[in-house]
Structures are given as structure tokens and as C-alpha cells.
Amino acid sequence: QCVLWKDNACCTANTSMEAHEDQSYLYNFNWDHCGAMPEKCKRHFIQDTCLYECSPNLGPWIDQADNSWRKERILHVPLCREDCEQWWEDCQDAVTCKVNWHKGWNWTTG
């Protein structure tokens, strides 16, 4: 899913490889945290990770964050309607155990 940035990337090949792992060291997060995420759905999340980690064009959307675990975040990146609709189509039957993936995780057990 990172091939879009292979000729002009701000990430290493190792980062690209890790983005595709179910249990990646990048965020210590498992895509299958609530059961197996369908592959057709997972590819969208992997490509989103590749965009975040590899795109050299995110400057206009970098926002300062005041968190202990990150100092900046990416906000309001435009998404093509077709991509959004395909993401919904591919993930509409997938489930998660969280209302908001950005906060409220219990990391005490790793």
C-alpha cells in the first residue's frame, strides 16, 4: 500500500514493511484488536499509515499536538470522494471495540 510513495518517500523501506504488519512496532497497535479485520478493509488503514509515514506532501496539514506521545498530527487532509466511498464499502461489515481510536486506550498491558 506504500508503493504510491516509492519514488519520493519520507520513510524507509523498513517503515513501509512494518506498516503492513498486523502487530507493528510503528504504533504498537494491532489491526485485529476486535477480531480479524477483513483484508479489503485493512488495506485502507495500511495505506492511511503509509500516507502519514511516507508522504512528502503533508506539510500544509501538519498541526501541532500537545500530547505526551506525539508533538504533531495530520489534520484535514483532503480525501477523494471515490476513495472515501470505497473505504466505506470495504469496511462496512468490519467491527471495532472502540468509539474513538484516538483516545481512551488502556495500554497498561502493552
C-alpha atoms as a PDB file:
ATOM      1  CA  GLN A   1       0.000   0.000   0.000  1.00  0.00           C
ATOM      2  CA  CYS A   2       3.036   2.311   0.271  1.00  0.00           C
ATOM      3  CA  VAL A   3       4.006   1.959  -3.401  1.00  0.00           C
ATOM      4  CA  LEU A   4       2.450   5.357  -4.196  1.00  0.00           C
ATOM      5  CA  TRP A   5       5.406   6.996  -2.447  1.00  0.00           C
ATOM      6  CA  LYS A   6       8.219   4.680  -3.548  1.00  0.00           C
ATOM      7  CA  ASP A   7       9.883   7.266  -5.795  1.00  0.00           C
ATOM      8  CA  ASN A   8       9.639  10.157  -3.338  1.00  0.00           C
ATOM      9  CA  ALA A   9       9.164   8.977   0.230  1.00  0.00           C
ATOM     10  CA  CYS A  10       9.881  10.357   3.671  1.00  0.00           C
ATOM     11  CA  CYS A  11      10.065   6.852   5.132  1.00  0.00           C
ATOM     12  CA  THR A  12      12.396   3.901   4.948  1.00  0.00           C
ATOM     13  CA  ALA A  13      11.660   0.565   3.332  1.00  0.00           C
ATOM     14  CA  ASN A  14      11.545  -0.891   6.853  1.00  0.00           C
ATOM     15  CA  THR A  15       8.801   1.560   7.844  1.00  0.00           C
ATOM     16  CA  SER A  16       6.861   0.578   4.727  1.00  0.00           C
ATOM     17  CA  MET A  17       7.207  -3.111   5.607  1.00  0.00           C
ATOM     18  CA  GLU A  18       6.116  -2.525   9.220  1.00  0.00           C
ATOM     19  CA  ALA A  19       3.029  -0.619   8.077  1.00  0.00           C
ATOM     20  CA  HIS A  20       1.800  -3.891   6.591  1.00  0.00           C
ATOM     21  CA  GLU A  21       2.260  -5.977   9.765  1.00  0.00           C
ATOM     22  CA  ASP A  22      -0.812  -6.778  11.867  1.00  0.00           C
ATOM     23  CA  GLN A  23       1.217  -6.145  15.034  1.00  0.00           C
ATOM     24  CA  SER A  24       3.625  -3.402  14.015  1.00  0.00           C
ATOM     25  CA  TYR A  25       6.245  -1.681  16.137  1.00  0.00           C
ATOM     26  CA  LEU A  26       5.207   1.635  14.490  1.00  0.00           C
ATOM     27  CA  TYR A  27       2.326   2.233  16.882  1.00  0.00           C
ATOM     28  CA  ASN A  28       2.261  -0.946  18.979  1.00  0.00           C
ATOM     29  CA  PHE A  29      -1.253  -1.452  17.640  1.00  0.00           C
ATOM     30  CA  ASN A  30      -2.934  -4.496  16.166  1.00  0.00           C
ATOM     31  CA  TRP A  31      -5.464  -4.021  13.351  1.00  0.00           C
ATOM     32  CA  ASP A  32      -7.203  -7.191  14.564  1.00  0.00           C
ATOM     33  CA  HIS A  33      -7.858  -5.817  18.059  1.00  0.00           C
ATOM     34  CA  CYS A  34     -11.509  -6.898  17.947  1.00  0.00           C
ATOM     35  CA  GLY A  35     -11.247  -9.949  15.734  1.00  0.00           C
ATOM     36  CA  ALA A  36      -9.876 -10.320  12.238  1.00  0.00           C
ATOM     37  CA  MET A  37     -10.207  -7.178  10.135  1.00  0.00           C
ATOM     38  CA  PRO A  38     -11.117  -8.115   6.563  1.00  0.00           C
ATOM     39  CA  GLU A  39      -8.146  -7.711   4.189  1.00  0.00           C
ATOM     40  CA  LYS A  40     -10.138  -5.487   1.826  1.00  0.00           C
ATOM     41  CA  CYS A  41     -10.774  -3.144   4.764  1.00  0.00           C
ATOM     42  CA  LYS A  42      -7.300  -3.379   6.270  1.00  0.00           C
ATOM     43  CA  ARG A  43      -5.649  -2.172   3.068  1.00  0.00           C
ATOM     44  CA  HIS A  44      -7.258   1.260   3.551  1.00  0.00           C
ATOM     45  CA  PHE A  45      -5.858   1.584   7.064  1.00  0.00           C
ATOM     46  CA  ILE A  46      -2.440   0.443   5.858  1.00  0.00           C
ATOM     47  CA  GLN A  47      -2.499   2.983   3.040  1.00  0.00           C
ATOM     48  CA  ASP A  48      -3.503   5.667   5.541  1.00  0.00           C
ATOM     49  CA  THR A  49      -0.480   4.693   7.650  1.00  0.00           C
ATOM     50  CA  CYS A  50       1.723   4.856   4.557  1.00  0.00           C
ATOM     51  CA  LEU A  51       0.389   8.325   3.751  1.00  0.00           C
ATOM     52  CA  TYR A  52       1.123   9.502   7.289  1.00  0.00           C
ATOM     53  CA  GLU A  53       4.576   7.935   7.465  1.00  0.00           C
ATOM     54  CA  CYS A  54       5.799   8.315   3.866  1.00  0.00           C
ATOM     55  CA  SER A  55       4.179  11.219   2.051  1.00  0.00           C
ATOM     56  CA  PRO A  56       6.469  14.206   1.419  1.00  0.00           C
ATOM     57  CA  ASN A  57       3.417  16.394   0.759  1.00  0.00           C
ATOM     58  CA  LEU A  58       1.704  16.628   4.152  1.00  0.00           C
ATOM     59  CA  GLY A  59       3.198  19.972   5.198  1.00  0.00           C
ATOM     60  CA  PRO A  60       0.000  22.009   4.803  1.00  0.00           C
ATOM     61  CA  TRP A  61      -1.886  19.618   7.106  1.00  0.00           C
ATOM     62  CA  ILE A  62       0.639  19.292   9.945  1.00  0.00           C
ATOM     63  CA  ASP A  63      -0.850  20.546  13.198  1.00  0.00           C
ATOM     64  CA  GLN A  64       0.994  20.907  16.493  1.00  0.00           C
ATOM     65  CA  ALA A  65      -0.196  18.457  19.146  1.00  0.00           C
ATOM     66  CA  ASP A  66       0.363  18.714  22.866  1.00  0.00           C
ATOM     67  CA  ASN A  67       0.385  15.037  23.793  1.00  0.00           C
ATOM     68  CA  SER A  68       2.988  13.083  25.696  1.00  0.00           C
ATOM     69  CA  TRP A  69       3.180  10.550  22.854  1.00  0.00           C
ATOM     70  CA  ARG A  70       3.304  12.910  19.853  1.00  0.00           C
ATOM     71  CA  LYS A  71       4.159  16.510  19.113  1.00  0.00           C
ATOM     72  CA  GLU A  72       2.336  16.846  15.814  1.00  0.00           C
ATOM     73  CA  ARG A  73      -0.556  15.320  13.960  1.00  0.00           C
ATOM     74  CA  ILE A  74      -2.040  15.469  10.490  1.00  0.00           C
ATOM     75  CA  LEU A  75      -5.481  17.089  10.209  1.00  0.00           C
ATOM     76  CA  HIS A  76      -7.998  17.746   7.434  1.00  0.00           C
ATOM     77  CA  VAL A  77      -6.108  16.048   4.598  1.00  0.00           C
ATOM     78  CA  PRO A  78      -8.415  16.033   1.569  1.00  0.00           C
ATOM     79  CA  LEU A  79      -9.798  12.634   0.614  1.00  0.00           C
ATOM     80  CA  CYS A  80     -11.242  11.927  -2.811  1.00  0.00           C
ATOM     81  CA  ARG A  81     -14.926  11.056  -2.680  1.00  0.00           C
ATOM     82  CA  GLU A  82     -14.292   7.815  -4.591  1.00  0.00           C
ATOM     83  CA  ASP A  83     -11.644   6.754  -2.059  1.00  0.00           C
ATOM     84  CA  CYS A  84     -13.929   7.555   0.848  1.00  0.00           C
ATOM     85  CA  GLU A  85     -16.804   5.613  -0.669  1.00  0.00           C
ATOM     86  CA  GLN A  86     -14.575   2.623  -1.429  1.00  0.00           C
ATOM     87  CA  TRP A  87     -13.213   2.679   2.146  1.00  0.00           C
ATOM     88  CA  TRP A  88     -16.785   2.623   3.479  1.00  0.00           C
ATOM     89  CA  GLU A  89     -17.782  -0.145   1.079  1.00  0.00           C
ATOM     90  CA  ASP A  90     -14.794  -2.299   2.028  1.00  0.00           C
ATOM     91  CA  CYS A  91     -15.158  -1.762   5.789  1.00  0.00           C
ATOM     92  CA  GLN A  92     -18.909  -1.547   6.357  1.00  0.00           C
ATOM     93  CA  ASP A  93     -19.073  -5.085   7.762  1.00  0.00           C
ATOM     94  CA  ALA A  94     -15.945  -4.771   9.932  1.00  0.00           C
ATOM     95  CA  VAL A  95     -16.197  -4.174  13.676  1.00  0.00           C
ATOM     96  CA  THR A  96     -14.180  -2.360  16.314  1.00  0.00           C
ATOM     97  CA  CYS A  97     -14.394  -2.255  20.096  1.00  0.00           C
ATOM     98  CA  LYS A  98     -13.763   1.489  20.273  1.00  0.00           C
ATOM     99  CA  VAL A  99     -15.878   4.550  19.609  1.00  0.00           C
ATOM    100  CA  ASN A 100     -12.779   6.737  19.128  1.00  0.00           C
ATOM    101  CA  TRP A 101      -9.411   5.261  18.124  1.00  0.00           C
ATOM    102  CA  HIS A 102      -7.567   8.434  19.143  1.00  0.00           C
ATOM    103  CA  LYS A 103      -8.096   8.262  22.896  1.00  0.00           C
ATOM    104  CA  GLY A 104      -9.142   6.118  25.824  1.00  0.00           C
ATOM    105  CA  TRP A 105      -6.962   3.045  25.188  1.00  0.00           C
ATOM    106  CA  ASN A 106      -5.736   1.061  28.172  1.00  0.00           C
ATOM    107  CA  TRP A 107      -2.041   0.466  27.450  1.00  0.00           C
ATOM    108  CA  THR A 108      -1.161  -0.980  30.895  1.00  0.00           C
ATOM    109  CA  THR A 109      -0.669  -4.487  29.477  1.00  0.00           C
ATOM    110  CA  GLY A 110       1.200  -3.238  26.422  1.00  0.00           C
END
